[in-house]
Structure formats: structure tokens, C-alpha cells
Amino acid sequence: MKTFISVLIIALLSVTLARASFANDREHHHGQQQAVVTAEYSCPMHPEVTGNKGDSCPKCGMFLEKPQQAGYHCPMHPEVTGKKGDSCPKCGMNLEPVAGQKHHHH
């Protein structure tokens, strides 16, 4: 009987710890996703690196810059912007013109 109670207590503790860890993990990832979307500055060489004014890119050390008016964006990841001929670093798709903007073909 003592063994059964010990196993039961260990099982309940394991389930409780697993649920707490899962809830904390979901909350942490939600905050990261929100930060990426709301960041105003990005690295000119690594547009996936975003942050605030005065921050620098951990990959190349360049200061983050305020993005220019986007002419092109990824159809699958609209937060990824660039110029004609660029491709999305997340999925590799070619960037397409932002709706509502006219682009001249040479």
C-alpha cells in the first residue's frame, strides 16, 4: 500500500510539473511572437533581426534601422518586406508588390 501511494504521489507531481512547464512555455513563445511583430527597427543585412532604436544586430554588429516604406513583401509572411528581386528568409519565396502600390516595369 505504501508503494502504491508513493507511485501515485510521484505521478501527480509529474503531471503538475509538466502542465506548469507547458503553460510557461506557451506564454513565453507568445511574447516572442508579439515582439517580432511590433518591433520598429531591423538589421539592413538580416531583416529577421528586429529590435528598438539603438540596438545592434547580434549577427553582424550593424545598428538596427527604421525600415523604409515597403514596396514588396512575402505573400506567406507579410511582416517580411524588401525590394524587387528579394526573397523571403523564412520560406524562400520571391517577394511580391504590396497591394495598392504601383510598380513600374523597365
PDB file of N, CA and C in Angstrom:
ATOM      1  N   MET A   1       0.828  -1.198   0.000  1.00  0.00           N
ATOM      2  CA  MET A   1       0.000   0.000   0.000  1.00  0.00           C
ATOM      3  C   MET A   1       0.869   1.257   0.000  1.00  0.00           C
ATOM      4  N   LYS A   2       1.981   1.255   0.766  1.00  0.00           N
ATOM      5  CA  LYS A   2       2.884   2.396   0.799  1.00  0.00           C
ATOM      6  C   LYS A   2       3.473   2.658  -0.580  1.00  0.00           C
ATOM      7  N   THR A   3       3.818   1.606  -1.285  1.00  0.00           N
ATOM      8  CA  THR A   3       4.387   1.736  -2.627  1.00  0.00           C
ATOM      9  C   THR A   3       3.369   2.360  -3.564  1.00  0.00           C
ATOM     10  N   PHE A   4       2.126   1.928  -3.491  1.00  0.00           N
ATOM     11  CA  PHE A   4       1.074   2.468  -4.345  1.00  0.00           C
ATOM     12  C   PHE A   4       0.895   3.967  -4.104  1.00  0.00           C
ATOM     13  N   ILE A   5       0.870   4.404  -2.864  1.00  0.00           N
ATOM     14  CA  ILE A   5       0.711   5.826  -2.527  1.00  0.00           C
ATOM     15  C   ILE A   5       1.919   6.624  -3.026  1.00  0.00           C
ATOM     16  N   SER A   6       3.117   6.066  -2.857  1.00  0.00           N
ATOM     17  CA  SER A   6       4.331   6.746  -3.336  1.00  0.00           C
ATOM     18  C   SER A   6       4.290   6.933  -4.849  1.00  0.00           C
ATOM     19  N   VAL A   7       3.898   5.897  -5.573  1.00  0.00           N
ATOM     20  CA  VAL A   7       3.811   5.973  -7.034  1.00  0.00           C
ATOM     21  C   VAL A   7       2.746   6.993  -7.439  1.00  0.00           C
ATOM     22  N   LEU A   8       1.628   6.996  -6.750  1.00  0.00           N
ATOM     23  CA  LEU A   8       0.550   7.933  -7.040  1.00  0.00           C
ATOM     24  C   LEU A   8       1.011   9.385  -6.820  1.00  0.00           C
ATOM     25  N   ILE A   9       1.709   9.634  -5.741  1.00  0.00           N
ATOM     26  CA  ILE A   9       2.202  10.986  -5.444  1.00  0.00           C
ATOM     27  C   ILE A   9       3.204  11.425  -6.512  1.00  0.00           C
ATOM     28  N   ILE A  10       4.113  10.539  -6.894  1.00  0.00           N
ATOM     29  CA  ILE A  10       5.105  10.865  -7.921  1.00  0.00           C
ATOM     30  C   ILE A  10       4.410  11.159  -9.255  1.00  0.00           C
ATOM     31  N   ALA A  11       3.411  10.370  -9.596  1.00  0.00           N
ATOM     32  CA  ALA A  11       2.677  10.578 -10.848  1.00  0.00           C
ATOM     33  C   ALA A  11       1.961  11.928 -10.838  1.00  0.00           C
ATOM     34  N   LEU A  12       1.306  12.263  -9.732  1.00  0.00           N
ATOM     35  CA  LEU A  12       0.608  13.550  -9.641  1.00  0.00           C
ATOM     36  C   LEU A  12       1.576  14.733  -9.719  1.00  0.00           C
ATOM     37  N   LEU A  13       2.711  14.615  -9.058  1.00  0.00           N
ATOM     38  CA  LEU A  13       3.716  15.677  -9.125  1.00  0.00           C
ATOM     39  C   LEU A  13       4.239  15.837 -10.550  1.00  0.00           C
ATOM     40  N   SER A  14       4.476  14.739 -11.234  1.00  0.00           N
ATOM     41  CA  SER A  14       4.974  14.791 -12.615  1.00  0.00           C
ATOM     42  C   SER A  14       3.975  15.494 -13.528  1.00  0.00           C
ATOM     43  N   VAL A  15       2.700  15.157 -13.396  1.00  0.00           N
ATOM     44  CA  VAL A  15       1.664  15.778 -14.222  1.00  0.00           C
ATOM     45  C   VAL A  15       1.567  17.274 -13.917  1.00  0.00           C
ATOM     46  N   THR A  16       1.620  17.630 -12.657  1.00  0.00           N
ATOM     47  CA  THR A  16       1.531  19.032 -12.265  1.00  0.00           C
ATOM     48  C   THR A  16       2.713  19.833 -12.815  1.00  0.00           C
ATOM     49  N   LEU A  17       3.913  19.295 -12.698  1.00  0.00           N
ATOM     50  CA  LEU A  17       5.098  19.985 -13.201  1.00  0.00           C
ATOM     51  C   LEU A  17       5.056  20.105 -14.730  1.00  0.00           C
ATOM     52  N   ALA A  18       4.604  19.062 -15.406  1.00  0.00           N
ATOM     53  CA  ALA A  18       4.523  19.094 -16.864  1.00  0.00           C
ATOM     54  C   ALA A  18       3.529  20.165 -17.329  1.00  0.00           C
ATOM     55  N   ARG A  19       2.381  20.260 -16.676  1.00  0.00           N
ATOM     56  CA  ARG A  19       1.381  21.264 -17.049  1.00  0.00           C
ATOM     57  C   ARG A  19       1.901  22.679 -16.798  1.00  0.00           C
ATOM     58  N   ALA A  20       2.585  22.877 -15.686  1.00  0.00           N
ATOM     59  CA  ALA A  20       3.137  24.198 -15.372  1.00  0.00           C
ATOM     60  C   ALA A  20       4.201  24.578 -16.396  1.00  0.00           C
ATOM     61  N   SER A  21       5.035  23.651 -16.777  1.00  0.00           N
ATOM     62  CA  SER A  21       6.069  23.902 -17.778  1.00  0.00           C
ATOM     63  C   SER A  21       5.450  24.230 -19.125  1.00  0.00           C
ATOM     64  N   PHE A  22       4.423  23.509 -19.533  1.00  0.00           N
ATOM     65  CA  PHE A  22       3.745  23.748 -20.807  1.00  0.00           C
ATOM     66  C   PHE A  22       3.110  25.129 -20.829  1.00  0.00           C
ATOM     67  N   ALA A  23       2.447  25.512 -19.752  1.00  0.00           N
ATOM     68  CA  ALA A  23       1.797  26.821 -19.682  1.00  0.00           C
ATOM     69  C   ALA A  23       2.835  27.941 -19.760  1.00  0.00           C
ATOM     70  N   ASN A  24       3.950  27.787 -19.076  1.00  0.00           N
ATOM     71  CA  ASN A  24       5.016  28.779 -19.086  1.00  0.00           C
ATOM     72  C   ASN A  24       5.633  28.874 -20.480  1.00  0.00           C
ATOM     73  N   ASP A  25       5.823  27.749 -21.147  1.00  0.00           N
ATOM     74  CA  ASP A  25       6.399  27.717 -22.479  1.00  0.00           C
ATOM     75  C   ASP A  25       5.494  28.429 -23.471  1.00  0.00           C
ATOM     76  N   ARG A  26       4.180  28.194 -23.416  1.00  0.00           N
ATOM     77  CA  ARG A  26       3.223  28.849 -24.319  1.00  0.00           C
ATOM     78  C   ARG A  26       3.246  30.353 -24.098  1.00  0.00           C
ATOM     79  N   GLU A  27       3.301  30.780 -22.845  1.00  0.00           N
ATOM     80  CA  GLU A  27       3.295  32.205 -22.527  1.00  0.00           C
ATOM     81  C   GLU A  27       4.567  32.869 -23.047  1.00  0.00           C
ATOM     82  N   HIS A  28       5.704  32.193 -22.915  1.00  0.00           N
ATOM     83  CA  HIS A  28       6.991  32.725 -23.356  1.00  0.00           C
ATOM     84  C   HIS A  28       7.010  32.893 -24.875  1.00  0.00           C
ATOM     85  N   HIS A  29       6.552  31.912 -25.632  1.00  0.00           N
ATOM     86  CA  HIS A  29       6.548  31.984 -27.086  1.00  0.00           C
ATOM     87  C   HIS A  29       5.586  33.055 -27.574  1.00  0.00           C
ATOM     88  N   HIS A  30       4.464  33.235 -26.923  1.00  0.00           N
ATOM     89  CA  HIS A  30       3.502  34.264 -27.333  1.00  0.00           C
ATOM     90  C   HIS A  30       4.147  35.643 -27.240  1.00  0.00           C
ATOM     91  N   GLY A  31       4.878  35.892 -26.196  1.00  0.00           N
ATOM     92  CA  GLY A  31       5.553  37.171 -26.028  1.00  0.00           C
ATOM     93  C   GLY A  31       6.605  37.404 -27.101  1.00  0.00           C
ATOM     94  N   GLN A  32       7.355  36.361 -27.480  1.00  0.00           N
ATOM     95  CA  GLN A  32       8.353  36.491 -28.529  1.00  0.00           C
ATOM     96  C   GLN A  32       7.698  36.844 -29.850  1.00  0.00           C
ATOM     97  N   GLN A  33       6.637  36.165 -30.187  1.00  0.00           N
ATOM     98  CA  GLN A  33       5.948  36.409 -31.453  1.00  0.00           C
ATOM     99  C   GLN A  33       5.449  37.852 -31.504  1.00  0.00           C
ATOM    100  N   GLN A  34       4.926  38.339 -30.430  1.00  0.00           N
ATOM    101  CA  GLN A  34       4.408  39.692 -30.379  1.00  0.00           C
ATOM    102  C   GLN A  34       5.540  40.707 -30.529  1.00  0.00           C
ATOM    103  N   ALA A  35       6.689  40.440 -29.944  1.00  0.00           N
ATOM    104  CA  ALA A  35       7.813  41.363 -30.027  1.00  0.00           C
ATOM    105  C   ALA A  35       8.306  41.493 -31.465  1.00  0.00           C
ATOM    106  N   VAL A  36       8.328  40.416 -32.202  1.00  0.00           N
ATOM    107  CA  VAL A  36       8.784  40.452 -33.587  1.00  0.00           C
ATOM    108  C   VAL A  36       7.856  41.314 -34.425  1.00  0.00           C
ATOM    109  N   VAL A  37       6.569  41.194 -34.186  1.00  0.00           N
ATOM    110  CA  VAL A  37       5.591  41.918 -34.978  1.00  0.00           C
ATOM    111  C   VAL A  37       5.613  43.412 -34.661  1.00  0.00           C
ATOM    112  N   THR A  38       5.854  43.789 -33.407  1.00  0.00           N
ATOM    113  CA  THR A  38       5.759  45.184 -33.013  1.00  0.00           C
ATOM    114  C   THR A  38       7.082  45.940 -33.073  1.00  0.00           C
ATOM    115  N   ALA A  39       8.198  45.266 -33.340  1.00  0.00           N
ATOM    116  CA  ALA A  39       9.493  45.940 -33.392  1.00  0.00           C
ATOM    117  C   ALA A  39       9.523  46.943 -34.548  1.00  0.00           C
ATOM    118  N   GLU A  40      10.110  48.108 -34.311  1.00  0.00           N
ATOM    119  CA  GLU A  40      10.135  49.148 -35.320  1.00  0.00           C
ATOM    120  C   GLU A  40      11.436  49.175 -36.106  1.00  0.00           C
ATOM    121  N   TYR A  41      12.492  48.567 -35.631  1.00  0.00           N
ATOM    122  CA  TYR A  41      13.793  48.638 -36.273  1.00  0.00           C
ATOM    123  C   TYR A  41      14.255  47.230 -36.658  1.00  0.00           C
ATOM    124  N   SER A  42      15.032  47.149 -37.761  1.00  0.00           N
ATOM    125  CA  SER A  42      15.565  45.857 -38.188  1.00  0.00           C
ATOM    126  C   SER A  42      16.957  46.054 -38.770  1.00  0.00           C
ATOM    127  N   CYS A  43      17.683  44.961 -38.868  1.00  0.00           N
ATOM    128  CA  CYS A  43      19.029  44.991 -39.431  1.00  0.00           C
ATOM    129  C   CYS A  43      18.938  45.093 -40.955  1.00  0.00           C
ATOM    130  N   PRO A  44      19.724  45.983 -41.578  1.00  0.00           N
ATOM    131  CA  PRO A  44      19.687  46.095 -43.031  1.00  0.00           C
ATOM    132  C   PRO A  44      20.187  44.828 -43.738  1.00  0.00           C
ATOM    133  N   MET A  45      21.064  44.075 -43.086  1.00  0.00           N
ATOM    134  CA  MET A  45      21.606  42.850 -43.687  1.00  0.00           C
ATOM    135  C   MET A  45      20.830  41.602 -43.283  1.00  0.00           C
ATOM    136  N   HIS A  46      20.173  41.643 -42.145  1.00  0.00           N
ATOM    137  CA  HIS A  46      19.428  40.499 -41.606  1.00  0.00           C
ATOM    138  C   HIS A  46      18.048  40.983 -41.164  1.00  0.00           C
ATOM    139  N   PRO A  47      17.097  41.143 -42.107  1.00  0.00           N
ATOM    140  CA  PRO A  47      15.792  41.745 -41.769  1.00  0.00           C
ATOM    141  C   PRO A  47      14.992  40.961 -40.740  1.00  0.00           C
ATOM    142  N   GLU A  48      15.347  39.696 -40.518  1.00  0.00           N
ATOM    143  CA  GLU A  48      14.641  38.921 -39.498  1.00  0.00           C
ATOM    144  C   GLU A  48      15.049  39.327 -38.085  1.00  0.00           C
ATOM    145  N   VAL A  49      16.164  40.063 -37.955  1.00  0.00           N
ATOM    146  CA  VAL A  49      16.624  40.568 -36.652  1.00  0.00           C
ATOM    147  C   VAL A  49      15.961  41.920 -36.417  1.00  0.00           C
ATOM    148  N   THR A  50      15.148  42.009 -35.379  1.00  0.00           N
ATOM    149  CA  THR A  50      14.423  43.245 -35.087  1.00  0.00           C
ATOM    150  C   THR A  50      14.694  43.695 -33.664  1.00  0.00           C
ATOM    151  N   GLY A  51      14.410  44.955 -33.384  1.00  0.00           N
ATOM    152  CA  GLY A  51      14.612  45.483 -32.039  1.00  0.00           C
ATOM    153  C   GLY A  51      14.193  46.930 -31.967  1.00  0.00           C
ATOM    154  N   ASN A  52      14.811  47.633 -31.054  1.00  0.00           N
ATOM    155  CA  ASN A  52      14.473  49.033 -30.798  1.00  0.00           C
ATOM    156  C   ASN A  52      15.601  49.949 -31.249  1.00  0.00           C
ATOM    157  N   LYS A  53      15.324  51.242 -31.279  1.00  0.00           N
ATOM    158  CA  LYS A  53      16.314  52.253 -31.655  1.00  0.00           C
ATOM    159  C   LYS A  53      17.549  52.106 -30.766  1.00  0.00           C
ATOM    160  N   GLY A  54      18.730  52.095 -31.395  1.00  0.00           N
ATOM    161  CA  GLY A  54      19.976  51.980 -30.653  1.00  0.00           C
ATOM    162  C   GLY A  54      20.474  50.545 -30.506  1.00  0.00           C
ATOM    163  N   ASP A  55      19.638  49.555 -30.788  1.00  0.00           N
ATOM    164  CA  ASP A  55      20.067  48.162 -30.717  1.00  0.00           C
ATOM    165  C   ASP A  55      20.973  47.843 -31.897  1.00  0.00           C
ATOM    166  N   SER A  56      21.787  46.802 -31.754  1.00  0.00           N
ATOM    167  CA  SER A  56      22.623  46.355 -32.866  1.00  0.00           C
ATOM    168  C   SER A  56      22.339  44.887 -33.165  1.00  0.00           C
ATOM    169  N   CYS A  57      22.660  44.483 -34.378  1.00  0.00           N
ATOM    170  CA  CYS A  57      22.429  43.113 -34.838  1.00  0.00           C
ATOM    171  C   CYS A  57      23.439  42.164 -34.187  1.00  0.00           C
ATOM    172  N   PRO A  58      22.983  41.078 -33.573  1.00  0.00           N
ATOM    173  CA  PRO A  58      23.920  40.137 -32.962  1.00  0.00           C
ATOM    174  C   PRO A  58      24.710  39.340 -34.003  1.00  0.00           C
ATOM    175  N   LYS A  59      24.238  39.324 -35.253  1.00  0.00           N
ATOM    176  CA  LYS A  59      24.923  38.564 -36.303  1.00  0.00           C
ATOM    177  C   LYS A  59      26.078  39.341 -36.937  1.00  0.00           C
ATOM    178  N   CYS A  60      25.873  40.648 -37.206  1.00  0.00           N
ATOM    179  CA  CYS A  60      26.902  41.414 -37.913  1.00  0.00           C
ATOM    180  C   CYS A  60      27.354  42.670 -37.169  1.00  0.00           C
ATOM    181  N   GLY A  61      26.638  43.059 -36.111  1.00  0.00           N
ATOM    182  CA  GLY A  61      27.026  44.226 -35.323  1.00  0.00           C
ATOM    183  C   GLY A  61      26.507  45.549 -35.844  1.00  0.00           C
ATOM    184  N   MET A  62      25.832  45.555 -36.988  1.00  0.00           N
ATOM    185  CA  MET A  62      25.302  46.810 -37.529  1.00  0.00           C
ATOM    186  C   MET A  62      24.172  47.324 -36.647  1.00  0.00           C
ATOM    187  N   PHE A  63      24.010  48.648 -36.625  1.00  0.00           N
ATOM    188  CA  PHE A  63      22.892  49.225 -35.885  1.00  0.00           C
ATOM    189  C   PHE A  63      21.598  48.940 -36.629  1.00  0.00           C
ATOM    190  N   LEU A  64      20.534  48.677 -35.863  1.00  0.00           N
ATOM    191  CA  LEU A  64      19.230  48.447 -36.468  1.00  0.00           C
ATOM    192  C   LEU A  64      18.696  49.772 -37.000  1.00  0.00           C
ATOM    193  N   GLU A  65      18.016  49.689 -38.150  1.00  0.00           N
ATOM    194  CA  GLU A  65      17.492  50.888 -38.791  1.00  0.00           C
ATOM    195  C   GLU A  65      15.987  50.810 -38.925  1.00  0.00           C
ATOM    196  N   LYS A  66      15.354  51.976 -38.993  1.00  0.00           N
ATOM    197  CA  LYS A  66      13.919  52.043 -39.232  1.00  0.00           C
ATOM    198  C   LYS A  66      13.689  51.642 -40.686  1.00  0.00           C
ATOM    199  N   PRO A  67      12.812  50.680 -40.928  1.00  0.00           N
ATOM    200  CA  PRO A  67      12.621  50.230 -42.311  1.00  0.00           C
ATOM    201  C   PRO A  67      12.021  51.322 -43.199  1.00  0.00           C
ATOM    202  N   GLN A  68      12.432  51.286 -44.472  1.00  0.00           N
ATOM    203  CA  GLN A  68      11.875  52.196 -45.469  1.00  0.00           C
ATOM    204  C   GLN A  68      10.475  51.726 -45.825  1.00  0.00           C
ATOM    205  N   GLN A  69       9.711  52.566 -46.521  1.00  0.00           N
ATOM    206  CA  GLN A  69       8.384  52.183 -46.980  1.00  0.00           C
ATOM    207  C   GLN A  69       8.546  50.925 -47.834  1.00  0.00           C
ATOM    208  N   ALA A  70       7.874  49.869 -47.442  1.00  0.00           N
ATOM    209  CA  ALA A  70       7.999  48.588 -48.125  1.00  0.00           C
ATOM    210  C   ALA A  70       7.271  48.617 -49.454  1.00  0.00           C
ATOM    211  N   GLY A  71       7.978  48.219 -50.500  1.00  0.00           N
ATOM    212  CA  GLY A  71       7.358  48.103 -51.803  1.00  0.00           C
ATOM    213  C   GLY A  71       6.966  46.658 -52.093  1.00  0.00           C
ATOM    214  N   TYR A  72       7.675  45.721 -51.472  1.00  0.00           N
ATOM    215  CA  TYR A  72       7.437  44.301 -51.693  1.00  0.00           C
ATOM    216  C   TYR A  72       7.357  43.582 -50.357  1.00  0.00           C
ATOM    217  N   HIS A  73       6.587  42.508 -50.314  1.00  0.00           N
ATOM    218  CA  HIS A  73       6.503  41.698 -49.099  1.00  0.00           C
ATOM    219  C   HIS A  73       6.282  40.242 -49.487  1.00  0.00           C
ATOM    220  N   CYS A  74       6.500  39.351 -48.534  1.00  0.00           N
ATOM    221  CA  CYS A  74       6.293  37.917 -48.757  1.00  0.00           C
ATOM    222  C   CYS A  74       4.797  37.616 -48.684  1.00  0.00           C
ATOM    223  N   PRO A  75       4.276  36.863 -49.658  1.00  0.00           N
ATOM    224  CA  PRO A  75       2.845  36.534 -49.603  1.00  0.00           C
ATOM    225  C   PRO A  75       2.485  35.642 -48.422  1.00  0.00           C
ATOM    226  N   MET A  76       3.430  34.869 -47.909  1.00  0.00           N
ATOM    227  CA  MET A  76       3.169  33.993 -46.770  1.00  0.00           C
ATOM    228  C   MET A  76       3.536  34.633 -45.433  1.00  0.00           C
ATOM    229  N   HIS A  77       4.459  35.582 -45.438  1.00  0.00           N
ATOM    230  CA  HIS A  77       4.936  36.256 -44.221  1.00  0.00           C
ATOM    231  C   HIS A  77       4.936  37.760 -44.477  1.00  0.00           C
ATOM    232  N   PRO A  78       3.772  38.435 -44.399  1.00  0.00           N
ATOM    233  CA  PRO A  78       3.676  39.855 -44.753  1.00  0.00           C
ATOM    234  C   PRO A  78       4.569  40.778 -43.932  1.00  0.00           C
ATOM    235  N   GLU A  79       5.054  40.312 -42.784  1.00  0.00           N
ATOM    236  CA  GLU A  79       5.957  41.150 -41.992  1.00  0.00           C
ATOM    237  C   GLU A  79       7.346  41.222 -42.619  1.00  0.00           C
ATOM    238  N   VAL A  80       7.653  40.312 -43.561  1.00  0.00           N
ATOM    239  CA  VAL A  80       8.934  40.317 -44.267  1.00  0.00           C
ATOM    240  C   VAL A  80       8.788  41.226 -45.483  1.00  0.00           C
ATOM    241  N   THR A  81       9.572  42.305 -45.506  1.00  0.00           N
ATOM    242  CA  THR A  81       9.482  43.273 -46.591  1.00  0.00           C
ATOM    243  C   THR A  81      10.837  43.456 -47.244  1.00  0.00           C
ATOM    244  N   GLY A  82      10.820  44.045 -48.427  1.00  0.00           N
ATOM    245  CA  GLY A  82      12.070  44.280 -49.132  1.00  0.00           C
ATOM    246  C   GLY A  82      11.828  44.983 -50.452  1.00  0.00           C
ATOM    247  N   LYS A  83      12.738  44.755 -51.384  1.00  0.00           N
ATOM    248  CA  LYS A  83      12.638  45.381 -52.698  1.00  0.00           C
ATOM    249  C   LYS A  83      12.500  44.313 -53.774  1.00  0.00           C
ATOM    250  N   LYS A  84      12.237  44.744 -55.003  1.00  0.00           N
ATOM    251  CA  LYS A  84      12.056  43.827 -56.116  1.00  0.00           C
ATOM    252  C   LYS A  84      13.288  42.922 -56.258  1.00  0.00           C
ATOM    253  N   GLY A  85      13.035  41.627 -56.398  1.00  0.00           N
ATOM    254  CA  GLY A  85      14.120  40.661 -56.550  1.00  0.00           C
ATOM    255  C   GLY A  85      14.541  39.996 -55.254  1.00  0.00           C
ATOM    256  N   ASP A  86      14.113  40.522 -54.114  1.00  0.00           N
ATOM    257  CA  ASP A  86      14.444  39.912 -52.826  1.00  0.00           C
ATOM    258  C   ASP A  86      13.595  38.662 -52.613  1.00  0.00           C
ATOM    259  N   SER A  87      14.080  37.779 -51.749  1.00  0.00           N
ATOM    260  CA  SER A  87      13.297  36.594 -51.387  1.00  0.00           C
ATOM    261  C   SER A  87      13.138  36.535 -49.876  1.00  0.00           C
ATOM    262  N   CYS A  88      12.122  35.826 -49.434  1.00  0.00           N
ATOM    263  CA  CYS A  88      11.807  35.708 -48.012  1.00  0.00           C
ATOM    264  C   CYS A  88      12.830  34.806 -47.323  1.00  0.00           C
ATOM    265  N   PRO A  89      13.461  35.267 -46.217  1.00  0.00           N
ATOM    266  CA  PRO A  89      14.417  34.421 -45.496  1.00  0.00           C
ATOM    267  C   PRO A  89      13.747  33.269 -44.757  1.00  0.00           C
ATOM    268  N   LYS A  90      12.423  33.347 -44.560  1.00  0.00           N
ATOM    269  CA  LYS A  90      11.706  32.299 -43.831  1.00  0.00           C
ATOM    270  C   LYS A  90      11.319  31.135 -44.740  1.00  0.00           C
ATOM    271  N   CYS A  91      10.845  31.444 -45.972  1.00  0.00           N
ATOM    272  CA  CYS A  91      10.336  30.371 -46.831  1.00  0.00           C
ATOM    273  C   CYS A  91      10.981  30.341 -48.212  1.00  0.00           C
ATOM    274  N   GLY A  92      11.750  31.366 -48.561  1.00  0.00           N
ATOM    275  CA  GLY A  92      12.439  31.379 -49.843  1.00  0.00           C
ATOM    276  C   GLY A  92      11.613  31.902 -51.008  1.00  0.00           C
ATOM    277  N   MET A  93      10.350  32.242 -50.777  1.00  0.00           N
ATOM    278  CA  MET A  93       9.509  32.747 -51.865  1.00  0.00           C
ATOM    279  C   MET A  93       9.973  34.136 -52.292  1.00  0.00           C
ATOM    280  N   ASN A  94       9.772  34.450 -53.588  1.00  0.00           N
ATOM    281  CA  ASN A  94      10.067  35.796 -54.076  1.00  0.00           C
ATOM    282  C   ASN A  94       9.071  36.775 -53.473  1.00  0.00           C
ATOM    283  N   LEU A  95       9.551  37.962 -53.112  1.00  0.00           N
ATOM    284  CA  LEU A  95       8.667  38.982 -52.579  1.00  0.00           C
ATOM    285  C   LEU A  95       7.806  39.536 -53.704  1.00  0.00           C
ATOM    286  N   GLU A  96       6.572  39.891 -53.374  1.00  0.00           N
ATOM    287  CA  GLU A  96       5.610  40.407 -54.342  1.00  0.00           C
ATOM    288  C   GLU A  96       5.236  41.836 -53.981  1.00  0.00           C
ATOM    289  N   PRO A  97       4.790  42.630 -54.981  1.00  0.00           N
ATOM    290  CA  PRO A  97       4.404  44.020 -54.693  1.00  0.00           C
ATOM    291  C   PRO A  97       3.309  44.092 -53.633  1.00  0.00           C
ATOM    292  N   VAL A  98       3.433  45.076 -52.759  1.00  0.00           N
ATOM    293  CA  VAL A  98       2.407  45.318 -51.749  1.00  0.00           C
ATOM    294  C   VAL A  98       1.166  45.827 -52.463  1.00  0.00           C
ATOM    295  N   ALA A  99       0.006  45.304 -52.123  1.00  0.00           N
ATOM    296  CA  ALA A  99      -1.249  45.709 -52.770  1.00  0.00           C
ATOM    297  C   ALA A  99      -1.466  47.203 -52.614  1.00  0.00           C
ATOM    298  N   GLY A 100      -1.934  47.823 -53.673  1.00  0.00           N
ATOM    299  CA  GLY A 100      -2.234  49.251 -53.618  1.00  0.00           C
ATOM    300  C   GLY A 100      -1.085  50.135 -54.038  1.00  0.00           C
ATOM    301  N   GLN A 101       0.091  49.535 -54.342  1.00  0.00           N
ATOM    302  CA  GLN A 101       1.220  50.329 -54.799  1.00  0.00           C
ATOM    303  C   GLN A 101       1.497  50.004 -56.252  1.00  0.00           C
ATOM    304  N   LYS A 102       1.804  51.030 -57.047  1.00  0.00           N
ATOM    305  CA  LYS A 102       2.118  50.828 -58.453  1.00  0.00           C
ATOM    306  C   LYS A 102       3.624  50.690 -58.600  1.00  0.00           C
ATOM    307  N   HIS A 103       4.042  49.694 -59.380  1.00  0.00           N
ATOM    308  CA  HIS A 103       5.469  49.483 -59.634  1.00  0.00           C
ATOM    309  C   HIS A 103       5.699  49.527 -61.132  1.00  0.00           C
ATOM    310  N   HIS A 104       6.699  50.291 -61.540  1.00  0.00           N
ATOM    311  CA  HIS A 104       7.000  50.438 -62.956  1.00  0.00           C
ATOM    312  C   HIS A 104       7.909  49.302 -63.392  1.00  0.00           C
ATOM    313  N   HIS A 105       7.603  48.712 -64.540  1.00  0.00           N
ATOM    314  CA  HIS A 105       8.446  47.652 -65.095  1.00  0.00           C
ATOM    315  C   HIS A 105       9.358  48.276 -66.148  1.00  0.00           C
ATOM    316  N   HIS A 106      10.638  47.967 -66.074  1.00  0.00           N
ATOM    317  CA  HIS A 106      11.613  48.524 -67.020  1.00  0.00           C
ATOM    318  C   HIS A 106      11.856  47.552 -68.139  1.00  0.00           C
TER     319      HIS A 106
END
